[in-house]
Amino acid sequence: METGVVVKSVGIRYKVLTGSGSIIDCILKGNLRVRGLRTTNPVAVGDKVKLMPDKDKTSGVITEILDRRNYILRKASNLSKQSQIIAANIDQAFLMATITMPETPVEFIDRFLITAEAYNITSKIIFNKTDLYNPSQREMMEDMISLYSKIGYECIRFSVKDGGNTEMLREKMKDRITLIAGNSGVGKSSLINLLHPGLNIKTEEISSYHKQGKHVTTFPEMYIMPFGGFVIDTPGLRGFGVVDMDRNEIYHFFPEIFRISEGCRFYNCLHSDEPDCAVRDAVEKEIIALSRYRSYLSILNDNNLKYR
């Protein structure tokens, strides 16, 4: 019996990096596949597992999934299941966003950030493709950086094309497990190629007509970085549905809303239409950004949320 970490998940087949540094192709032990989990994937990239290798140690069977330190979920496209685990046991997440080619919706950013907050994953935002922006787009980017920086999220201006700030990113990712996420076409795989040129991960140009990316990365994969640590590349996300959260606790994961909520008249205020709501008052005074409040209301009314 050996232990290892899942570095790639393709359907019901997995690649597992063992303690000795070898990568073994694995399948799941039968009863692990039918354990009634509420996710589409019982095993995710980043999972620590126990496995039984065969005699030549080129393939094996995963016999146990060890406890997860954390994980990040999204609503699954398969309606028969509730959610999909994107990755597990993450030290930090970098959300890549772009102002154009394609445009990253603000609500998408907020949904990702609150999901990471809920599972205690530190997030940073990389605003990529700065070389493409005209003056109005650059102003829009700076407004978003100002907004999220005030909330407490580190924001990084970046251009895969000119490679500026690449060394800074290497230093921030050194010896850590970093998830890189974002819409299709924002430059996730291109960034990883910059960080580790030997990987040559496939990328494609953005459609000039649709201004959206294609799903070049089809399965999550964890890469060993030459400077130490791991980076997880993820398929492009068209949307980010929030799952497995209590409706009464959503505001806890918006740091600026949570701080101001202490001033509400009612301890169980949902900040929608209750009287003497400090949060709504802060929105009217522009202390809380209207875009963030709209994202909060959208998530609050999401049908996937639980009710007490």
Protein backbone atom coordinates (compact mmCIF):
# COMPACT_ATOMS: atom_id res chain seq x y z
CA MET A 1 0.00 0.00 0.00
CA GLU A 2 1.27 3.47 -0.90
CA THR A 3 0.03 7.03 -0.49
CA GLY A 4 -0.01 9.67 -3.18
CA VAL A 5 -1.76 12.75 -4.54
CA VAL A 6 -4.11 12.80 -7.54
CA VAL A 7 -2.60 15.00 -10.26
CA LYS A 8 -5.08 14.33 -13.06
CA SER A 9 -8.67 13.13 -13.27
CA VAL A 10 -10.12 11.89 -16.57
CA GLY A 11 -13.51 10.26 -16.13
CA ILE A 12 -12.97 7.25 -13.88
CA ARG A 13 -9.22 7.12 -14.45
CA TYR A 14 -6.66 8.99 -12.38
CA LYS A 15 -2.96 9.76 -12.39
CA VAL A 16 -1.44 9.60 -8.91
CA LEU A 17 1.94 11.03 -7.89
CA THR A 18 3.49 8.78 -5.26
CA GLY A 19 5.93 9.67 -2.53
CA SER A 20 8.76 8.19 -4.58
CA GLY A 21 8.05 10.63 -7.42
CA SER A 22 6.53 8.16 -9.87
CA ILE A 23 3.15 8.71 -11.54
CA ILE A 24 0.80 5.71 -11.58
CA ASP A 25 -2.36 5.27 -13.65
CA CYS A 26 -5.17 4.30 -11.28
CA ILE A 27 -8.81 3.35 -11.16
CA LEU A 28 -11.10 3.44 -8.13
CA LYS A 29 -11.90 0.49 -5.96
CA GLY A 30 -15.48 -0.44 -6.88
CA ASN A 31 -17.22 0.54 -3.65
CA LEU A 32 -15.65 4.01 -3.73
CA ARG A 33 -17.49 4.80 -6.97
CA VAL A 34 -20.92 4.03 -5.51
CA ARG A 35 -20.71 5.65 -2.10
CA GLY A 36 -23.66 7.96 -2.69
CA LEU A 37 -21.59 11.12 -2.74
CA ARG A 38 -23.43 14.28 -3.77
CA THR A 39 -20.77 15.18 -6.29
CA THR A 40 -20.14 14.09 -9.86
CA ASN A 41 -16.55 13.15 -9.02
CA PRO A 42 -15.76 11.16 -5.84
CA VAL A 43 -12.04 11.83 -6.35
CA ALA A 44 -10.60 15.21 -7.36
CA VAL A 45 -7.21 16.60 -8.33
CA GLY A 46 -5.31 17.39 -5.14
CA ASP A 47 -6.86 14.52 -3.18
CA LYS A 48 -4.48 12.51 -1.04
CA VAL A 49 -5.20 8.81 -1.48
CA LYS A 50 -4.05 5.35 -0.58
CA LEU A 51 -3.43 3.02 -3.50
CA MET A 52 -2.45 -0.55 -4.25
CA PRO A 53 0.05 -0.61 -7.15
CA ASP A 54 0.42 -3.66 -9.38
CA LYS A 55 3.70 -5.59 -9.56
CA ASP A 56 5.40 -3.32 -12.09
CA LYS A 57 4.06 -0.17 -10.36
CA THR A 58 2.74 1.40 -13.57
CA SER A 59 -0.93 1.06 -12.64
CA GLY A 60 -2.95 0.53 -9.51
CA VAL A 61 -6.22 0.85 -7.59
CA ILE A 62 -7.19 3.72 -5.29
CA THR A 63 -8.47 2.09 -2.11
CA GLU A 64 -9.05 5.09 0.17
CA ILE A 65 -9.54 8.85 -0.09
CA LEU A 66 -7.89 10.61 2.84
CA ASP A 67 -9.57 13.50 4.65
CA ARG A 68 -9.55 16.78 2.73
CA ARG A 69 -8.14 19.94 4.27
CA ASN A 70 -10.42 21.95 1.98
CA TYR A 71 -11.90 21.88 -1.49
CA ILE A 72 -13.70 24.14 -3.92
CA LEU A 73 -17.05 23.27 -5.48
CA ARG A 74 -19.13 24.46 -8.37
CA LYS A 75 -22.61 23.60 -9.58
CA ALA A 76 -22.36 20.58 -11.88
CA SER A 77 -23.68 20.64 -15.42
CA ASN A 78 -25.02 17.13 -14.80
CA LEU A 79 -28.44 17.79 -13.27
CA SER A 80 -28.56 14.38 -11.58
CA LYS A 81 -25.85 15.47 -9.15
CA GLN A 82 -25.57 18.56 -7.03
CA SER A 83 -21.97 19.67 -7.43
CA GLN A 84 -18.54 19.11 -8.88
CA ILE A 85 -15.30 19.29 -6.89
CA ILE A 86 -12.85 21.38 -8.91
CA ALA A 87 -9.84 20.57 -6.70
CA ALA A 88 -8.95 19.68 -3.11
CA ASN A 89 -6.27 20.52 -0.53
CA ILE A 90 -5.46 23.94 -1.99
CA ASP A 91 -3.20 26.55 -0.39
CA GLN A 92 -4.43 29.45 -2.52
CA ALA A 93 -6.47 30.30 -5.59
CA PHE A 94 -5.68 32.76 -8.37
CA LEU A 95 -8.74 33.88 -10.30
CA MET A 96 -7.81 35.18 -13.75
CA ALA A 97 -10.10 37.90 -15.09
CA THR A 98 -10.11 39.96 -18.27
CA ILE A 99 -11.88 43.17 -19.23
CA THR A 100 -12.28 42.04 -22.85
CA MET A 101 -11.57 39.06 -25.13
CA PRO A 102 -13.46 37.70 -23.15
CA GLU A 103 -15.10 39.96 -20.59
CA THR A 104 -15.25 38.41 -17.13
CA PRO A 105 -18.64 39.18 -15.51
CA VAL A 106 -18.42 40.80 -12.07
CA GLU A 107 -20.94 38.30 -10.70
CA PHE A 108 -18.70 35.43 -11.82
CA ILE A 109 -15.81 36.97 -9.87
CA ASP A 110 -17.98 37.38 -6.78
CA ARG A 111 -19.37 33.84 -6.94
CA PHE A 112 -15.88 32.39 -7.16
CA LEU A 113 -14.56 34.56 -4.32
CA ILE A 114 -17.35 33.70 -1.88
CA THR A 115 -16.99 30.00 -2.64
CA ALA A 116 -13.29 30.23 -1.83
CA GLU A 117 -14.12 32.21 1.35
CA ALA A 118 -16.58 29.52 2.42
CA TYR A 119 -13.89 26.82 2.20
CA ASN A 120 -11.11 28.93 3.75
CA ILE A 121 -9.08 29.30 0.56
CA THR A 122 -7.14 32.54 0.15
CA SER A 123 -7.86 34.14 -3.23
CA LYS A 124 -6.05 36.65 -5.40
CA ILE A 125 -7.22 38.17 -8.69
CA ILE A 126 -5.00 38.39 -11.78
CA PHE A 127 -6.24 40.94 -14.31
CA ASN A 128 -4.73 39.56 -17.52
CA LYS A 129 -4.34 40.97 -21.06
CA THR A 130 -3.49 44.49 -19.92
CA ASP A 131 -1.69 44.98 -23.26
CA LEU A 132 -5.05 44.85 -25.09
CA TYR A 133 -6.97 47.50 -23.16
CA ASN A 134 -7.93 50.89 -24.53
CA PRO A 135 -8.16 53.85 -22.10
CA SER A 136 -11.79 53.18 -21.10
CA GLN A 137 -11.12 49.47 -20.54
CA ARG A 138 -8.02 50.28 -18.51
CA GLU A 139 -10.11 52.67 -16.40
CA MET A 140 -12.67 49.90 -15.87
CA MET A 141 -9.88 47.55 -14.74
CA GLU A 142 -8.50 50.14 -12.30
CA ASP A 143 -11.99 50.66 -10.86
CA MET A 144 -12.33 46.92 -10.28
CA ILE A 145 -8.86 46.72 -8.74
CA SER A 146 -9.77 49.59 -6.41
CA LEU A 147 -13.02 47.85 -5.44
CA TYR A 148 -11.54 44.43 -4.67
CA SER A 149 -8.37 45.79 -3.07
CA LYS A 150 -10.44 47.78 -0.56
CA ILE A 151 -12.34 44.62 0.34
CA GLY A 152 -9.02 42.88 1.02
CA TYR A 153 -8.24 40.90 -2.15
CA GLU A 154 -4.79 41.24 -3.66
CA CYS A 155 -5.05 42.22 -7.34
CA ILE A 156 -2.26 41.78 -9.88
CA ARG A 157 -2.00 43.47 -13.26
CA PHE A 158 -0.61 41.05 -15.82
CA SER A 159 0.00 40.41 -19.50
CA VAL A 160 0.89 36.94 -20.70
CA LYS A 161 2.09 38.57 -23.92
CA ASP A 162 4.86 40.66 -22.32
CA GLY A 163 5.38 38.46 -19.26
CA GLY A 164 5.57 41.30 -16.76
CA ASN A 165 5.18 40.25 -13.10
CA THR A 166 5.93 36.59 -13.97
CA GLU A 167 8.73 36.43 -11.41
CA MET A 168 6.48 37.95 -8.77
CA LEU A 169 3.88 35.25 -9.45
CA ARG A 170 6.52 32.52 -9.22
CA GLU A 171 7.52 33.85 -5.82
CA LYS A 172 3.90 33.92 -4.61
CA MET A 173 3.35 30.33 -5.83
CA LYS A 174 6.65 28.90 -4.62
CA ASP A 175 6.25 25.77 -2.47
CA ARG A 176 2.46 26.10 -2.44
CA ILE A 177 -0.49 24.34 -4.09
CA THR A 178 -2.13 26.98 -6.28
CA LEU A 179 -5.40 26.67 -8.17
CA ILE A 180 -5.73 28.83 -11.30
CA ALA A 181 -9.33 29.38 -12.39
CA GLY A 182 -11.35 31.62 -14.68
CA ASN A 183 -13.57 31.80 -17.74
CA SER A 184 -12.48 30.10 -20.95
CA GLY A 185 -9.94 32.19 -22.82
CA VAL A 186 -8.63 34.37 -19.98
CA GLY A 187 -5.13 32.87 -20.31
CA LYS A 188 -4.81 30.23 -17.58
CA SER A 189 -2.86 27.68 -19.63
CA SER A 190 -0.75 30.42 -21.23
CA LEU A 191 0.23 31.65 -17.77
CA ILE A 192 1.24 28.15 -16.67
CA ASN A 193 3.34 27.81 -19.84
CA LEU A 194 5.14 31.01 -18.82
CA LEU A 195 5.72 29.70 -15.31
CA HIS A 196 6.97 26.36 -16.64
CA PRO A 197 7.94 26.67 -20.35
CA GLY A 198 8.68 22.96 -20.69
CA LEU A 199 5.02 21.98 -20.28
CA ASN A 200 3.79 23.31 -23.64
CA ILE A 201 0.12 23.11 -22.61
CA LYS A 202 -2.15 23.50 -25.64
CA THR A 203 -3.75 26.93 -26.09
CA GLU A 204 -5.93 28.52 -28.77
CA GLU A 205 -6.64 32.04 -29.98
CA ILE A 206 -9.80 33.81 -28.82
CA SER A 207 -12.62 33.93 -31.38
CA SER A 208 -12.75 37.49 -32.71
CA TYR A 209 -16.45 37.04 -33.46
CA HIS A 210 -17.70 35.56 -30.19
CA LYS A 211 -14.88 37.06 -28.09
CA GLN A 212 -14.86 33.90 -26.00
CA GLY A 213 -12.35 31.15 -25.43
CA LYS A 214 -12.66 27.48 -26.23
CA HIS A 215 -12.36 24.69 -23.65
CA VAL A 216 -8.77 23.72 -24.50
CA THR A 217 -8.17 22.32 -21.00
CA THR A 218 -10.84 19.64 -20.62
CA PHE A 219 -9.81 18.08 -17.28
CA PRO A 220 -8.17 19.55 -14.16
CA GLU A 221 -4.47 18.75 -13.93
CA MET A 222 -1.81 19.45 -11.33
CA TYR A 223 1.69 20.32 -12.50
CA ILE A 224 4.95 20.21 -10.53
CA MET A 225 6.61 23.62 -10.77
CA PRO A 226 10.40 23.89 -11.20
CA PHE A 227 10.54 26.63 -8.53
CA GLY A 228 8.76 24.43 -5.96
CA GLY A 229 5.11 23.68 -5.37
CA PHE A 230 2.23 22.72 -7.64
CA VAL A 231 -0.14 24.58 -9.94
CA ILE A 232 -3.59 23.23 -10.84
CA ASP A 233 -4.88 24.13 -14.29
CA THR A 234 -8.68 23.94 -14.60
CA PRO A 235 -11.11 23.84 -17.53
CA GLY A 236 -12.58 27.22 -18.42
CA LEU A 237 -15.74 27.95 -16.48
CA ARG A 238 -18.69 29.50 -18.35
CA GLY A 239 -20.52 30.07 -15.09
CA PHE A 240 -20.02 29.43 -11.41
CA GLY A 241 -23.07 28.12 -9.58
CA VAL A 242 -22.92 28.32 -5.80
CA VAL A 243 -23.82 25.15 -3.91
CA ASP A 244 -23.80 23.63 -0.44
CA MET A 245 -24.30 26.93 1.42
CA ASP A 246 -26.88 28.01 3.95
CA ARG A 247 -28.94 30.95 2.72
CA ASN A 248 -28.69 32.60 6.13
CA GLU A 249 -24.87 32.59 6.01
CA ILE A 250 -24.18 33.84 2.47
CA TYR A 251 -23.38 37.36 3.68
CA HIS A 252 -20.62 35.94 5.93
CA PHE A 253 -18.56 35.29 2.79
CA PHE A 254 -18.76 38.90 1.54
CA PRO A 255 -16.18 40.43 3.94
CA GLU A 256 -17.38 44.02 3.61
CA ILE A 257 -21.06 43.05 4.03
CA PHE A 258 -20.24 40.86 7.03
CA ARG A 259 -18.37 43.69 8.76
CA ILE A 260 -21.19 46.19 8.32
CA SER A 261 -23.95 43.70 9.16
CA GLU A 262 -23.13 44.13 12.85
CA GLY A 263 -25.06 47.39 12.67
CA CYS A 264 -28.32 45.80 11.48
CA ARG A 265 -31.34 45.94 13.78
CA PHE A 266 -32.03 42.20 13.52
CA TYR A 267 -29.36 39.56 14.14
CA ASN A 268 -30.82 37.36 11.38
CA CYS A 269 -31.15 40.18 8.85
CA LEU A 270 -30.79 38.98 5.24
CA HIS A 271 -30.19 42.54 3.98
CA SER A 272 -32.92 42.35 1.38
CA ASP A 273 -36.02 44.16 2.66
CA GLU A 274 -35.73 44.19 6.48
CA PRO A 275 -36.10 47.51 8.32
CA ASP A 276 -33.06 49.32 9.78
CA CYS A 277 -30.61 47.35 7.65
CA ALA A 278 -27.07 48.74 7.96
CA VAL A 279 -25.99 46.93 4.80
CA ARG A 280 -28.64 48.50 2.55
CA ASP A 281 -27.84 51.87 4.11
CA ALA A 282 -24.14 51.33 3.26
CA VAL A 283 -25.07 50.49 -0.34
CA GLU A 284 -27.06 53.73 -0.63
CA LYS A 285 -24.08 55.66 0.74
CA GLU A 286 -21.76 53.80 -1.70
CA ILE A 287 -19.75 52.33 1.16
CA ILE A 288 -20.60 48.89 -0.25
CA ALA A 289 -20.39 48.65 -4.05
CA LEU A 290 -23.73 48.22 -5.78
CA SER A 291 -22.24 45.47 -7.99
CA ARG A 292 -21.28 43.44 -4.92
CA TYR A 293 -24.71 43.90 -3.36
CA ARG A 294 -26.38 42.78 -6.59
CA SER A 295 -24.16 39.70 -6.64
CA TYR A 296 -25.16 39.00 -3.05
CA LEU A 297 -28.88 39.23 -3.87
CA SER A 298 -28.44 37.01 -6.93
CA ILE A 299 -26.75 34.32 -4.83
CA LEU A 300 -29.24 34.75 -1.99
CA ASN A 301 -32.06 33.84 -4.39
CA ASP A 302 -30.20 30.92 -5.94
CA ASN A 303 -32.30 27.73 -5.90
CA ASN A 304 -29.27 25.62 -4.96
CA LEU A 305 -29.02 27.15 -1.48
CA LYS A 306 -30.14 25.40 1.66
CA TYR A 307 -32.73 26.82 4.07
CA ARG A 308 -32.80 26.49 7.81
